[in-house]
Amino acid sequence: MEKAYRIKKNSDFQKIYKKGKSVANRQFVVYTYDNSEQEHFRLGISVSKKIGNAVTRNRIKRAIRENFKVHKQDMISKDIIVIARHPAKNMSTLEIQGSLEHVLKIAKVFNKKIK
């Protein structure tokens, strides 16, 4: 994921948490915030230490990033924060992708219909 597509600053995270809208399923919480000055989406990922060790957390983050790379051209220009919940710990990459697509459809961040 290129630098322009990342949310790193704590102030950006806090703004999105306070002013954005949230949607959730069992595995993920997604916060979205309209970002009209950007021409593309930006992504922030949060995986708590309560979910597991560094290997587990990094595996979940890699799966989330991969899902956004696959759907890069289908995304509306919004700031998006994905928070992993505990059930994501035991999921495979394909299961994570399916669950994440489900919650992103509910959040309405896709330009067009995704199967």
PDB file of N, CA and C in Angstrom:
ATOM      1  N   MET A   1       0.849  -1.177   0.000  1.00  0.00           N
ATOM      2  CA  MET A   1       0.000   0.000   0.000  1.00  0.00           C
ATOM      3  C   MET A   1       0.897   1.243   0.000  1.00  0.00           C
ATOM      4  N   GLU A   2       0.722   2.112  -0.967  1.00  0.00           N
ATOM      5  CA  GLU A   2       1.551   3.315  -1.052  1.00  0.00           C
ATOM      6  C   GLU A   2       1.248   4.274   0.105  1.00  0.00           C
ATOM      7  N   LYS A   3       2.167   5.178   0.368  1.00  0.00           N
ATOM      8  CA  LYS A   3       2.024   6.106   1.484  1.00  0.00           C
ATOM      9  C   LYS A   3       0.775   6.968   1.379  1.00  0.00           C
ATOM     10  N   ALA A   4       0.426   7.373   0.182  1.00  0.00           N
ATOM     11  CA  ALA A   4      -0.734   8.248  -0.012  1.00  0.00           C
ATOM     12  C   ALA A   4      -2.035   7.565   0.395  1.00  0.00           C
ATOM     13  N   TYR A   5      -2.036   6.246   0.458  1.00  0.00           N
ATOM     14  CA  TYR A   5      -3.249   5.499   0.787  1.00  0.00           C
ATOM     15  C   TYR A   5      -3.340   5.132   2.267  1.00  0.00           C
ATOM     16  N   ARG A   6      -2.391   5.590   3.089  1.00  0.00           N
ATOM     17  CA  ARG A   6      -2.352   5.202   4.494  1.00  0.00           C
ATOM     18  C   ARG A   6      -2.800   6.323   5.411  1.00  0.00           C
ATOM     19  N   ILE A   7      -3.405   5.942   6.520  1.00  0.00           N
ATOM     20  CA  ILE A   7      -3.683   6.869   7.615  1.00  0.00           C
ATOM     21  C   ILE A   7      -2.746   6.456   8.740  1.00  0.00           C
ATOM     22  N   LYS A   8      -1.884   7.371   9.163  1.00  0.00           N
ATOM     23  CA  LYS A   8      -0.904   7.044  10.190  1.00  0.00           C
ATOM     24  C   LYS A   8      -1.022   7.937  11.433  1.00  0.00           C
ATOM     25  N   LYS A   9      -1.417   9.189  11.242  1.00  0.00           N
ATOM     26  CA  LYS A   9      -1.420  10.140  12.359  1.00  0.00           C
ATOM     27  C   LYS A   9      -2.555   9.853  13.336  1.00  0.00           C
ATOM     28  N   ASN A  10      -2.236   9.958  14.611  1.00  0.00           N
ATOM     29  CA  ASN A  10      -3.236   9.759  15.653  1.00  0.00           C
ATOM     30  C   ASN A  10      -4.361  10.785  15.518  1.00  0.00           C
ATOM     31  N   SER A  11      -4.029  12.015  15.124  1.00  0.00           N
ATOM     32  CA  SER A  11      -5.062  13.044  14.983  1.00  0.00           C
ATOM     33  C   SER A  11      -6.059  12.679  13.891  1.00  0.00           C
ATOM     34  N   ASP A  12      -5.580  12.074  12.803  1.00  0.00           N
ATOM     35  CA  ASP A  12      -6.481  11.616  11.743  1.00  0.00           C
ATOM     36  C   ASP A  12      -7.388  10.491  12.245  1.00  0.00           C
ATOM     37  N   PHE A  13      -6.812   9.544  12.985  1.00  0.00           N
ATOM     38  CA  PHE A  13      -7.615   8.462  13.544  1.00  0.00           C
ATOM     39  C   PHE A  13      -8.704   9.022  14.461  1.00  0.00           C
ATOM     40  N   GLN A  14      -8.325   9.943  15.341  1.00  0.00           N
ATOM     41  CA  GLN A  14      -9.288  10.497  16.293  1.00  0.00           C
ATOM     42  C   GLN A  14     -10.406  11.255  15.585  1.00  0.00           C
ATOM     43  N   LYS A  15     -10.067  12.002  14.529  1.00  0.00           N
ATOM     44  CA  LYS A  15     -11.081  12.746  13.773  1.00  0.00           C
ATOM     45  C   LYS A  15     -12.081  11.784  13.142  1.00  0.00           C
ATOM     46  N   ILE A  16     -11.590  10.700  12.576  1.00  0.00           N
ATOM     47  CA  ILE A  16     -12.469   9.724  11.928  1.00  0.00           C
ATOM     48  C   ILE A  16     -13.334   9.009  12.968  1.00  0.00           C
ATOM     49  N   TYR A  17     -12.763   8.675  14.126  1.00  0.00           N
ATOM     50  CA  TYR A  17     -13.544   8.039  15.182  1.00  0.00           C
ATOM     51  C   TYR A  17     -14.674   8.953  15.652  1.00  0.00           C
ATOM     52  N   LYS A  18     -14.372  10.237  15.821  1.00  0.00           N
ATOM     53  CA  LYS A  18     -15.364  11.168  16.371  1.00  0.00           C
ATOM     54  C   LYS A  18     -16.418  11.585  15.351  1.00  0.00           C
ATOM     55  N   LYS A  19     -16.004  11.871  14.118  1.00  0.00           N
ATOM     56  CA  LYS A  19     -16.920  12.438  13.129  1.00  0.00           C
ATOM     57  C   LYS A  19     -17.417  11.434  12.103  1.00  0.00           C
ATOM     58  N   GLY A  20     -16.781  10.276  12.021  1.00  0.00           N
ATOM     59  CA  GLY A  20     -17.135   9.295  11.001  1.00  0.00           C
ATOM     60  C   GLY A  20     -18.310   8.432  11.414  1.00  0.00           C
ATOM     61  N   LYS A  21     -18.723   7.576  10.490  1.00  0.00           N
ATOM     62  CA  LYS A  21     -19.807   6.631  10.739  1.00  0.00           C
ATOM     63  C   LYS A  21     -19.211   5.238  10.867  1.00  0.00           C
ATOM     64  N   SER A  22     -19.810   4.429  11.726  1.00  0.00           N
ATOM     65  CA  SER A  22     -19.282   3.085  11.931  1.00  0.00           C
ATOM     66  C   SER A  22     -20.305   2.032  11.527  1.00  0.00           C
ATOM     67  N   VAL A  23     -19.771   0.932  11.005  1.00  0.00           N
ATOM     68  CA  VAL A  23     -20.553  -0.239  10.629  1.00  0.00           C
ATOM     69  C   VAL A  23     -19.752  -1.446  11.113  1.00  0.00           C
ATOM     70  N   ALA A  24     -20.459  -2.494  11.534  1.00  0.00           N
ATOM     71  CA  ALA A  24     -19.724  -3.634  12.084  1.00  0.00           C
ATOM     72  C   ALA A  24     -20.408  -4.954  11.755  1.00  0.00           C
ATOM     73  N   ASN A  25     -19.603  -6.005  11.767  1.00  0.00           N
ATOM     74  CA  ASN A  25     -20.103  -7.376  11.826  1.00  0.00           C
ATOM     75  C   ASN A  25     -19.317  -8.057  12.947  1.00  0.00           C
ATOM     76  N   ARG A  26     -19.386  -9.371  13.038  1.00  0.00           N
ATOM     77  CA  ARG A  26     -18.723 -10.053  14.153  1.00  0.00           C
ATOM     78  C   ARG A  26     -17.200  -9.893  14.136  1.00  0.00           C
ATOM     79  N   GLN A  27     -16.602  -9.814  12.936  1.00  0.00           N
ATOM     80  CA  GLN A  27     -15.150  -9.832  12.839  1.00  0.00           C
ATOM     81  C   GLN A  27     -14.507  -8.457  12.721  1.00  0.00           C
ATOM     82  N   PHE A  28     -15.228  -7.468  12.168  1.00  0.00           N
ATOM     83  CA  PHE A  28     -14.613  -6.172  11.889  1.00  0.00           C
ATOM     84  C   PHE A  28     -15.552  -5.020  12.216  1.00  0.00           C
ATOM     85  N   VAL A  29     -14.948  -3.894  12.590  1.00  0.00           N
ATOM     86  CA  VAL A  29     -15.648  -2.619  12.696  1.00  0.00           C
ATOM     87  C   VAL A  29     -15.011  -1.711  11.658  1.00  0.00           C
ATOM     88  N   VAL A  30     -15.830  -1.021  10.874  1.00  0.00           N
ATOM     89  CA  VAL A  30     -15.320  -0.122   9.842  1.00  0.00           C
ATOM     90  C   VAL A  30     -15.854   1.278  10.103  1.00  0.00           C
ATOM     91  N   TYR A  31     -14.942   2.237  10.260  1.00  0.00           N
ATOM     92  CA  TYR A  31     -15.299   3.650  10.369  1.00  0.00           C
ATOM     93  C   TYR A  31     -15.023   4.301   9.028  1.00  0.00           C
ATOM     94  N   THR A  32     -15.969   5.121   8.540  1.00  0.00           N
ATOM     95  CA  THR A  32     -15.771   5.851   7.293  1.00  0.00           C
ATOM     96  C   THR A  32     -16.016   7.328   7.532  1.00  0.00           C
ATOM     97  N   TYR A  33     -15.268   8.133   6.813  1.00  0.00           N
ATOM     98  CA  TYR A  33     -15.389   9.588   6.920  1.00  0.00           C
ATOM     99  C   TYR A  33     -15.175  10.171   5.532  1.00  0.00           C
ATOM    100  N   ASP A  34     -16.106  11.025   5.077  1.00  0.00           N
ATOM    101  CA  ASP A  34     -15.985  11.621   3.748  1.00  0.00           C
ATOM    102  C   ASP A  34     -14.738  12.482   3.664  1.00  0.00           C
ATOM    103  N   ASN A  35     -13.969  12.233   2.629  1.00  0.00           N
ATOM    104  CA  ASN A  35     -12.700  12.926   2.447  1.00  0.00           C
ATOM    105  C   ASN A  35     -12.685  13.503   1.037  1.00  0.00           C
ATOM    106  N   SER A  36     -13.321  14.635   0.864  1.00  0.00           N
ATOM    107  CA  SER A  36     -13.507  15.192  -0.474  1.00  0.00           C
ATOM    108  C   SER A  36     -12.230  15.803  -1.058  1.00  0.00           C
ATOM    109  N   GLU A  37     -11.272  16.170  -0.220  1.00  0.00           N
ATOM    110  CA  GLU A  37     -10.049  16.776  -0.767  1.00  0.00           C
ATOM    111  C   GLU A  37      -9.090  15.746  -1.359  1.00  0.00           C
ATOM    112  N   GLN A  38      -9.284  14.466  -1.040  1.00  0.00           N
ATOM    113  CA  GLN A  38      -8.450  13.413  -1.619  1.00  0.00           C
ATOM    114  C   GLN A  38      -9.120  12.849  -2.871  1.00  0.00           C
ATOM    115  N   GLU A  39      -8.325  12.411  -3.820  1.00  0.00           N
ATOM    116  CA  GLU A  39      -8.883  11.794  -5.024  1.00  0.00           C
ATOM    117  C   GLU A  39      -8.987  10.273  -4.891  1.00  0.00           C
ATOM    118  N   HIS A  40      -8.564   9.700  -3.757  1.00  0.00           N
ATOM    119  CA  HIS A  40      -8.633   8.264  -3.527  1.00  0.00           C
ATOM    120  C   HIS A  40      -8.888   7.997  -2.049  1.00  0.00           C
ATOM    121  N   PHE A  41      -9.160   6.748  -1.732  1.00  0.00           N
ATOM    122  CA  PHE A  41      -9.403   6.385  -0.334  1.00  0.00           C
ATOM    123  C   PHE A  41      -8.089   6.348   0.443  1.00  0.00           C
ATOM    124  N   ARG A  42      -8.207   6.436   1.764  1.00  0.00           N
ATOM    125  CA  ARG A  42      -7.070   6.220   2.659  1.00  0.00           C
ATOM    126  C   ARG A  42      -7.492   5.174   3.684  1.00  0.00           C
ATOM    127  N   LEU A  43      -6.549   4.333   4.081  1.00  0.00           N
ATOM    128  CA  LEU A  43      -6.854   3.199   4.949  1.00  0.00           C
ATOM    129  C   LEU A  43      -6.027   3.238   6.224  1.00  0.00           C
ATOM    130  N   GLY A  44      -6.699   3.012   7.332  1.00  0.00           N
ATOM    131  CA  GLY A  44      -6.043   2.814   8.621  1.00  0.00           C
ATOM    132  C   GLY A  44      -6.476   1.465   9.162  1.00  0.00           C
ATOM    133  N   ILE A  45      -5.549   0.718   9.733  1.00  0.00           N
ATOM    134  CA  ILE A  45      -5.847  -0.612  10.262  1.00  0.00           C
ATOM    135  C   ILE A  45      -5.469  -0.651  11.731  1.00  0.00           C
ATOM    136  N   SER A  46      -6.373  -1.210  12.548  1.00  0.00           N
ATOM    137  CA  SER A  46      -6.108  -1.348  13.970  1.00  0.00           C
ATOM    138  C   SER A  46      -6.390  -2.783  14.392  1.00  0.00           C
ATOM    139  N   VAL A  47      -5.348  -3.451  14.905  1.00  0.00           N
ATOM    140  CA  VAL A  47      -5.501  -4.807  15.431  1.00  0.00           C
ATOM    141  C   VAL A  47      -4.895  -4.808  16.830  1.00  0.00           C
ATOM    142  N   SER A  48      -5.733  -5.010  17.830  1.00  0.00           N
ATOM    143  CA  SER A  48      -5.321  -4.920  19.224  1.00  0.00           C
ATOM    144  C   SER A  48      -4.411  -6.071  19.639  1.00  0.00           C
ATOM    145  N   LYS A  49      -3.593  -5.837  20.644  1.00  0.00           N
ATOM    146  CA  LYS A  49      -2.742  -6.894  21.196  1.00  0.00           C
ATOM    147  C   LYS A  49      -3.563  -7.985  21.869  1.00  0.00           C
ATOM    148  N   LYS A  50      -4.814  -7.666  22.211  1.00  0.00           N
ATOM    149  CA  LYS A  50      -5.686  -8.666  22.835  1.00  0.00           C
ATOM    150  C   LYS A  50      -6.027  -9.795  21.860  1.00  0.00           C
ATOM    151  N   ILE A  51      -5.902  -9.528  20.561  1.00  0.00           N
ATOM    152  CA  ILE A  51      -6.260 -10.527  19.556  1.00  0.00           C
ATOM    153  C   ILE A  51      -5.212 -11.633  19.472  1.00  0.00           C
ATOM    154  N   GLY A  52      -3.952 -11.292  19.667  1.00  0.00           N
ATOM    155  CA  GLY A  52      -2.937 -12.338  19.607  1.00  0.00           C
ATOM    156  C   GLY A  52      -1.543 -11.755  19.562  1.00  0.00           C
ATOM    157  N   ASN A  53      -0.586 -12.623  19.281  1.00  0.00           N
ATOM    158  CA  ASN A  53       0.799 -12.173  19.222  1.00  0.00           C
ATOM    159  C   ASN A  53       1.067 -11.441  17.902  1.00  0.00           C
ATOM    160  N   ALA A  54       2.279 -10.972  17.720  1.00  0.00           N
ATOM    161  CA  ALA A  54       2.625 -10.157  16.552  1.00  0.00           C
ATOM    162  C   ALA A  54       2.399 -10.907  15.247  1.00  0.00           C
ATOM    163  N   VAL A  55       2.674 -12.201  15.234  1.00  0.00           N
ATOM    164  CA  VAL A  55       2.494 -12.993  14.022  1.00  0.00           C
ATOM    165  C   VAL A  55       1.023 -12.996  13.607  1.00  0.00           C
ATOM    166  N   THR A  56       0.145 -13.225  14.554  1.00  0.00           N
ATOM    167  CA  THR A  56      -1.295 -13.247  14.279  1.00  0.00           C
ATOM    168  C   THR A  56      -1.792 -11.881  13.822  1.00  0.00           C
ATOM    169  N   ARG A  57      -1.384 -10.832  14.533  1.00  0.00           N
ATOM    170  CA  ARG A  57      -1.827  -9.473  14.183  1.00  0.00           C
ATOM    171  C   ARG A  57      -1.353  -9.087  12.791  1.00  0.00           C
ATOM    172  N   ASN A  58      -0.105  -9.392  12.459  1.00  0.00           N
ATOM    173  CA  ASN A  58       0.423  -9.052  11.136  1.00  0.00           C
ATOM    174  C   ASN A  58      -0.249  -9.854  10.029  1.00  0.00           C
ATOM    175  N   ARG A  59      -0.609 -11.109  10.302  1.00  0.00           N
ATOM    176  CA  ARG A  59      -1.320 -11.917   9.306  1.00  0.00           C
ATOM    177  C   ARG A  59      -2.679 -11.301   8.984  1.00  0.00           C
ATOM    178  N   ILE A  60      -3.377 -10.847  10.013  1.00  0.00           N
ATOM    179  CA  ILE A  60      -4.684 -10.202   9.818  1.00  0.00           C
ATOM    180  C   ILE A  60      -4.516  -8.906   9.036  1.00  0.00           C
ATOM    181  N   LYS A  61      -3.508  -8.104   9.387  1.00  0.00           N
ATOM    182  CA  LYS A  61      -3.273  -6.831   8.681  1.00  0.00           C
ATOM    183  C   LYS A  61      -2.914  -7.059   7.216  1.00  0.00           C
ATOM    184  N   ARG A  62      -2.103  -8.076   6.941  1.00  0.00           N
ATOM    185  CA  ARG A  62      -1.754  -8.390   5.551  1.00  0.00           C
ATOM    186  C   ARG A  62      -2.990  -8.773   4.749  1.00  0.00           C
ATOM    187  N   ALA A  63      -3.879  -9.570   5.349  1.00  0.00           N
ATOM    188  CA  ALA A  63      -5.102  -9.989   4.657  1.00  0.00           C
ATOM    189  C   ALA A  63      -6.003  -8.787   4.380  1.00  0.00           C
ATOM    190  N   ILE A  64      -6.095  -7.855   5.317  1.00  0.00           N
ATOM    191  CA  ILE A  64      -6.916  -6.649   5.122  1.00  0.00           C
ATOM    192  C   ILE A  64      -6.327  -5.801   4.001  1.00  0.00           C
ATOM    193  N   ARG A  65      -5.012  -5.574   4.035  1.00  0.00           N
ATOM    194  CA  ARG A  65      -4.360  -4.780   2.983  1.00  0.00           C
ATOM    195  C   ARG A  65      -4.542  -5.415   1.612  1.00  0.00           C
ATOM    196  N   GLU A  66      -4.421  -6.734   1.541  1.00  0.00           N
ATOM    197  CA  GLU A  66      -4.571  -7.443   0.274  1.00  0.00           C
ATOM    198  C   GLU A  66      -5.980  -7.260  -0.287  1.00  0.00           C
ATOM    199  N   ASN A  67      -6.970  -7.292   0.577  1.00  0.00           N
ATOM    200  CA  ASN A  67      -8.350  -7.082   0.135  1.00  0.00           C
ATOM    201  C   ASN A  67      -8.533  -5.680  -0.456  1.00  0.00           C
ATOM    202  N   PHE A  68      -7.907  -4.687   0.147  1.00  0.00           N
ATOM    203  CA  PHE A  68      -8.012  -3.325  -0.378  1.00  0.00           C
ATOM    204  C   PHE A  68      -7.227  -3.164  -1.679  1.00  0.00           C
ATOM    205  N   LYS A  69      -6.118  -3.889  -1.841  1.00  0.00           N
ATOM    206  CA  LYS A  69      -5.383  -3.843  -3.105  1.00  0.00           C
ATOM    207  C   LYS A  69      -6.215  -4.423  -4.236  1.00  0.00           C
ATOM    208  N   VAL A  70      -6.927  -5.512  -3.966  1.00  0.00           N
ATOM    209  CA  VAL A  70      -7.765  -6.148  -4.971  1.00  0.00           C
ATOM    210  C   VAL A  70      -8.886  -5.210  -5.423  1.00  0.00           C
ATOM    211  N   HIS A  71      -9.466  -4.469  -4.487  1.00  0.00           N
ATOM    212  CA  HIS A  71     -10.614  -3.598  -4.787  1.00  0.00           C
ATOM    213  C   HIS A  71     -10.224  -2.124  -4.903  1.00  0.00           C
ATOM    214  N   LYS A  72      -8.966  -1.850  -5.149  1.00  0.00           N
ATOM    215  CA  LYS A  72      -8.463  -0.479  -5.166  1.00  0.00           C
ATOM    216  C   LYS A  72      -9.259   0.438  -6.105  1.00  0.00           C
ATOM    217  N   GLN A  73      -9.543  -0.020  -7.318  1.00  0.00           N
ATOM    218  CA  GLN A  73     -10.217   0.821  -8.306  1.00  0.00           C
ATOM    219  C   GLN A  73     -11.723   0.922  -8.041  1.00  0.00           C
ATOM    220  N   ASP A  74     -12.268   0.077  -7.146  1.00  0.00           N
ATOM    221  CA  ASP A  74     -13.702   0.070  -6.877  1.00  0.00           C
ATOM    222  C   ASP A  74     -14.107   0.935  -5.684  1.00  0.00           C
ATOM    223  N   MET A  75     -13.142   1.569  -5.033  1.00  0.00           N
ATOM    224  CA  MET A  75     -13.421   2.276  -3.785  1.00  0.00           C
ATOM    225  C   MET A  75     -13.746   3.753  -4.013  1.00  0.00           C
ATOM    226  N   ILE A  76     -14.678   4.260  -3.204  1.00  0.00           N
ATOM    227  CA  ILE A  76     -15.000   5.688  -3.195  1.00  0.00           C
ATOM    228  C   ILE A  76     -13.920   6.390  -2.374  1.00  0.00           C
ATOM    229  N   SER A  77     -13.671   7.666  -2.671  1.00  0.00           N
ATOM    230  CA  SER A  77     -12.624   8.383  -1.930  1.00  0.00           C
ATOM    231  C   SER A  77     -13.139   8.775  -0.547  1.00  0.00           C
ATOM    232  N   LYS A  78     -12.847   7.919   0.417  1.00  0.00           N
ATOM    233  CA  LYS A  78     -13.199   8.133   1.814  1.00  0.00           C
ATOM    234  C   LYS A  78     -12.014   7.722   2.671  1.00  0.00           C
ATOM    235  N   ASP A  79     -12.005   8.226   3.889  1.00  0.00           N
ATOM    236  CA  ASP A  79     -11.061   7.716   4.878  1.00  0.00           C
ATOM    237  C   ASP A  79     -11.718   6.515   5.542  1.00  0.00           C
ATOM    238  N   ILE A  80     -11.002   5.406   5.619  1.00  0.00           N
ATOM    239  CA  ILE A  80     -11.557   4.161   6.144  1.00  0.00           C
ATOM    240  C   ILE A  80     -10.625   3.622   7.227  1.00  0.00           C
ATOM    241  N   ILE A  81     -11.201   3.286   8.366  1.00  0.00           N
ATOM    242  CA  ILE A  81     -10.443   2.611   9.422  1.00  0.00           C
ATOM    243  C   ILE A  81     -11.085   1.249   9.642  1.00  0.00           C
ATOM    244  N   VAL A  82     -10.273   0.208   9.615  1.00  0.00           N
ATOM    245  CA  VAL A  82     -10.749  -1.153   9.855  1.00  0.00           C
ATOM    246  C   VAL A  82     -10.178  -1.609  11.195  1.00  0.00           C
ATOM    247  N   ILE A  83     -11.071  -2.019  12.095  1.00  0.00           N
ATOM    248  CA  ILE A  83     -10.661  -2.541  13.391  1.00  0.00           C
ATOM    249  C   ILE A  83     -11.027  -4.018  13.429  1.00  0.00           C
ATOM    250  N   ALA A  84     -10.046  -4.864  13.691  1.00  0.00           N
ATOM    251  CA  ALA A  84     -10.290  -6.305  13.762  1.00  0.00           C
ATOM    252  C   ALA A  84     -10.796  -6.668  15.150  1.00  0.00           C
ATOM    253  N   ARG A  85     -11.773  -7.544  15.188  1.00  0.00           N
ATOM    254  CA  ARG A  85     -12.296  -8.068  16.449  1.00  0.00           C
ATOM    255  C   ARG A  85     -11.743  -9.478  16.674  1.00  0.00           C
ATOM    256  N   HIS A  86     -11.993 -10.004  17.855  1.00  0.00           N
ATOM    257  CA  HIS A  86     -11.393 -11.280  18.263  1.00  0.00           C
ATOM    258  C   HIS A  86     -11.693 -12.457  17.332  1.00  0.00           C
ATOM    259  N   PRO A  87     -12.909 -12.628  16.771  1.00  0.00           N
ATOM    260  CA  PRO A  87     -13.146 -13.787  15.893  1.00  0.00           C
ATOM    261  C   PRO A  87     -12.266 -13.813  14.636  1.00  0.00           C
ATOM    262  N   ALA A  88     -11.696 -12.683  14.233  1.00  0.00           N
ATOM    263  CA  ALA A  88     -10.826 -12.654  13.050  1.00  0.00           C
ATOM    264  C   ALA A  88      -9.542 -13.441  13.279  1.00  0.00           C
ATOM    265  N   LYS A  89      -9.227 -13.697  14.525  1.00  0.00           N
ATOM    266  CA  LYS A  89      -7.992 -14.406  14.886  1.00  0.00           C
ATOM    267  C   LYS A  89      -7.906 -15.797  14.262  1.00  0.00           C
ATOM    268  N   ASN A  90      -9.026 -16.495  14.199  1.00  0.00           N
ATOM    269  CA  ASN A  90      -9.028 -17.888  13.745  1.00  0.00           C
ATOM    270  C   ASN A  90      -9.454 -18.039  12.292  1.00  0.00           C
ATOM    271  N   MET A  91      -9.532 -16.950  11.544  1.00  0.00           N
ATOM    272  CA  MET A  91     -10.011 -17.008  10.166  1.00  0.00           C
ATOM    273  C   MET A  91      -8.854 -17.114   9.181  1.00  0.00           C
ATOM    274  N   SER A  92      -9.138 -17.770   8.044  1.00  0.00           N
ATOM    275  CA  SER A  92      -8.148 -17.816   6.975  1.00  0.00           C
ATOM    276  C   SER A  92      -8.210 -16.507   6.189  1.00  0.00           C
ATOM    277  N   THR A  93      -7.267 -16.327   5.276  1.00  0.00           N
ATOM    278  CA  THR A  93      -7.226 -15.108   4.472  1.00  0.00           C
ATOM    279  C   THR A  93      -8.488 -14.954   3.632  1.00  0.00           C
ATOM    280  N   LEU A  94      -8.971 -16.037   3.044  1.00  0.00           N
ATOM    281  CA  LEU A  94     -10.193 -15.968   2.240  1.00  0.00           C
ATOM    282  C   LEU A  94     -11.420 -15.640   3.089  1.00  0.00           C
ATOM    283  N   GLU A  95     -11.487 -16.191   4.298  1.00  0.00           N
ATOM    284  CA  GLU A  95     -12.601 -15.876   5.193  1.00  0.00           C
ATOM    285  C   GLU A  95     -12.561 -14.415   5.620  1.00  0.00           C
ATOM    286  N   ILE A  96     -11.354 -13.913   5.885  1.00  0.00           N
ATOM    287  CA  ILE A  96     -11.200 -12.494   6.236  1.00  0.00           C
ATOM    288  C   ILE A  96     -11.654 -11.631   5.081  1.00  0.00           C
ATOM    289  N   GLN A  97     -11.269 -12.004   3.868  1.00  0.00           N
ATOM    290  CA  GLN A  97     -11.656 -11.233   2.688  1.00  0.00           C
ATOM    291  C   GLN A  97     -13.176 -11.198   2.527  1.00  0.00           C
ATOM    292  N   GLY A  98     -13.834 -12.331   2.681  1.00  0.00           N
ATOM    293  CA  GLY A  98     -15.287 -12.381   2.555  1.00  0.00           C
ATOM    294  C   GLY A  98     -15.990 -11.549   3.607  1.00  0.00           C
ATOM    295  N   SER A  99     -15.540 -11.658   4.846  1.00  0.00           N
ATOM    296  CA  SER A  99     -16.152 -10.900   5.934  1.00  0.00           C
ATOM    297  C   SER A  99     -15.928  -9.401   5.764  1.00  0.00           C
ATOM    298  N   LEU A 100     -14.734  -9.036   5.333  1.00  0.00           N
ATOM    299  CA  LEU A 100     -14.421  -7.621   5.136  1.00  0.00           C
ATOM    300  C   LEU A 100     -15.226  -7.032   3.979  1.00  0.00           C
ATOM    301  N   GLU A 101     -15.363  -7.788   2.890  1.00  0.00           N
ATOM    302  CA  GLU A 101     -16.189  -7.320   1.778  1.00  0.00           C
ATOM    303  C   GLU A 101     -17.630  -7.114   2.231  1.00  0.00           C
ATOM    304  N   HIS A 102     -18.123  -8.015   3.076  1.00  0.00           N
ATOM    305  CA  HIS A 102     -19.487  -7.898   3.591  1.00  0.00           C
ATOM    306  C   HIS A 102     -19.681  -6.590   4.355  1.00  0.00           C
ATOM    307  N   VAL A 103     -18.779  -6.296   5.272  1.00  0.00           N
ATOM    308  CA  VAL A 103     -18.944  -5.089   6.088  1.00  0.00           C
ATOM    309  C   VAL A 103     -18.684  -3.824   5.261  1.00  0.00           C
ATOM    310  N   LEU A 104     -17.818  -3.897   4.247  1.00  0.00           N
ATOM    311  CA  LEU A 104     -17.577  -2.742   3.384  1.00  0.00           C
ATOM    312  C   LEU A 104     -18.777  -2.451   2.482  1.00  0.00           C
ATOM    313  N   LYS A 105     -19.498  -3.506   2.079  1.00  0.00           N
ATOM    314  CA  LYS A 105     -20.730  -3.293   1.307  1.00  0.00           C
ATOM    315  C   LYS A 105     -21.774  -2.573   2.155  1.00  0.00           C
ATOM    316  N   ILE A 106     -21.878  -2.959   3.413  1.00  0.00           N
ATOM    317  CA  ILE A 106     -22.815  -2.311   4.323  1.00  0.00           C
ATOM    318  C   ILE A 106     -22.422  -0.845   4.514  1.00  0.00           C
ATOM    319  N   ALA A 107     -21.110  -0.571   4.570  1.00  0.00           N
ATOM    320  CA  ALA A 107     -20.618   0.802   4.751  1.00  0.00           C
ATOM    321  C   ALA A 107     -20.726   1.633   3.480  1.00  0.00           C
ATOM    322  N   LYS A 108     -21.042   0.988   2.349  1.00  0.00           N
ATOM    323  CA  LYS A 108     -21.232   1.660   1.057  1.00  0.00           C
ATOM    324  C   LYS A 108     -19.990   2.433   0.614  1.00  0.00           C
ATOM    325  N   VAL A 109     -18.860   1.745   0.543  1.00  0.00           N
ATOM    326  CA  VAL A 109     -17.619   2.374   0.088  1.00  0.00           C
ATOM    327  C   VAL A 109     -17.207   1.929  -1.309  1.00  0.00           C
ATOM    328  N   PHE A 110     -18.015   1.061  -1.931  1.00  0.00           N
ATOM    329  CA  PHE A 110     -17.707   0.601  -3.276  1.00  0.00           C
ATOM    330  C   PHE A 110     -18.407   1.477  -4.314  1.00  0.00           C
ATOM    331  N   ASN A 111     -17.727   1.738  -5.443  1.00  0.00           N
ATOM    332  CA  ASN A 111     -18.301   2.498  -6.545  1.00  0.00           C
ATOM    333  C   ASN A 111     -19.417   1.730  -7.242  1.00  0.00           C
ATOM    334  N   LYS A 112     -19.189   0.430  -7.423  1.00  0.00           N
ATOM    335  CA  LYS A 112     -20.131  -0.381  -8.184  1.00  0.00           C
ATOM    336  C   LYS A 112     -20.411  -1.666  -7.455  1.00  0.00           C
ATOM    337  N   LYS A 113     -21.297  -2.471  -8.002  1.00  0.00           N
ATOM    338  CA  LYS A 113     -21.687  -3.736  -7.355  1.00  0.00           C
ATOM    339  C   LYS A 113     -20.521  -4.716  -7.363  1.00  0.00           C
ATOM    340  N   ILE A 114     -20.226  -5.267  -6.204  1.00  0.00           N
ATOM    341  CA  ILE A 114     -19.199  -6.295  -6.046  1.00  0.00           C
ATOM    342  C   ILE A 114     -19.933  -7.594  -5.733  1.00  0.00           C
ATOM    343  N   LYS A 115     -19.577  -8.657  -6.414  1.00  0.00           N
ATOM    344  CA  LYS A 115     -20.260  -9.944  -6.213  1.00  0.00           C
ATOM    345  C   LYS A 115     -19.896 -10.571  -4.899  1.00  0.00           C
TER     346      LYS A 115
END
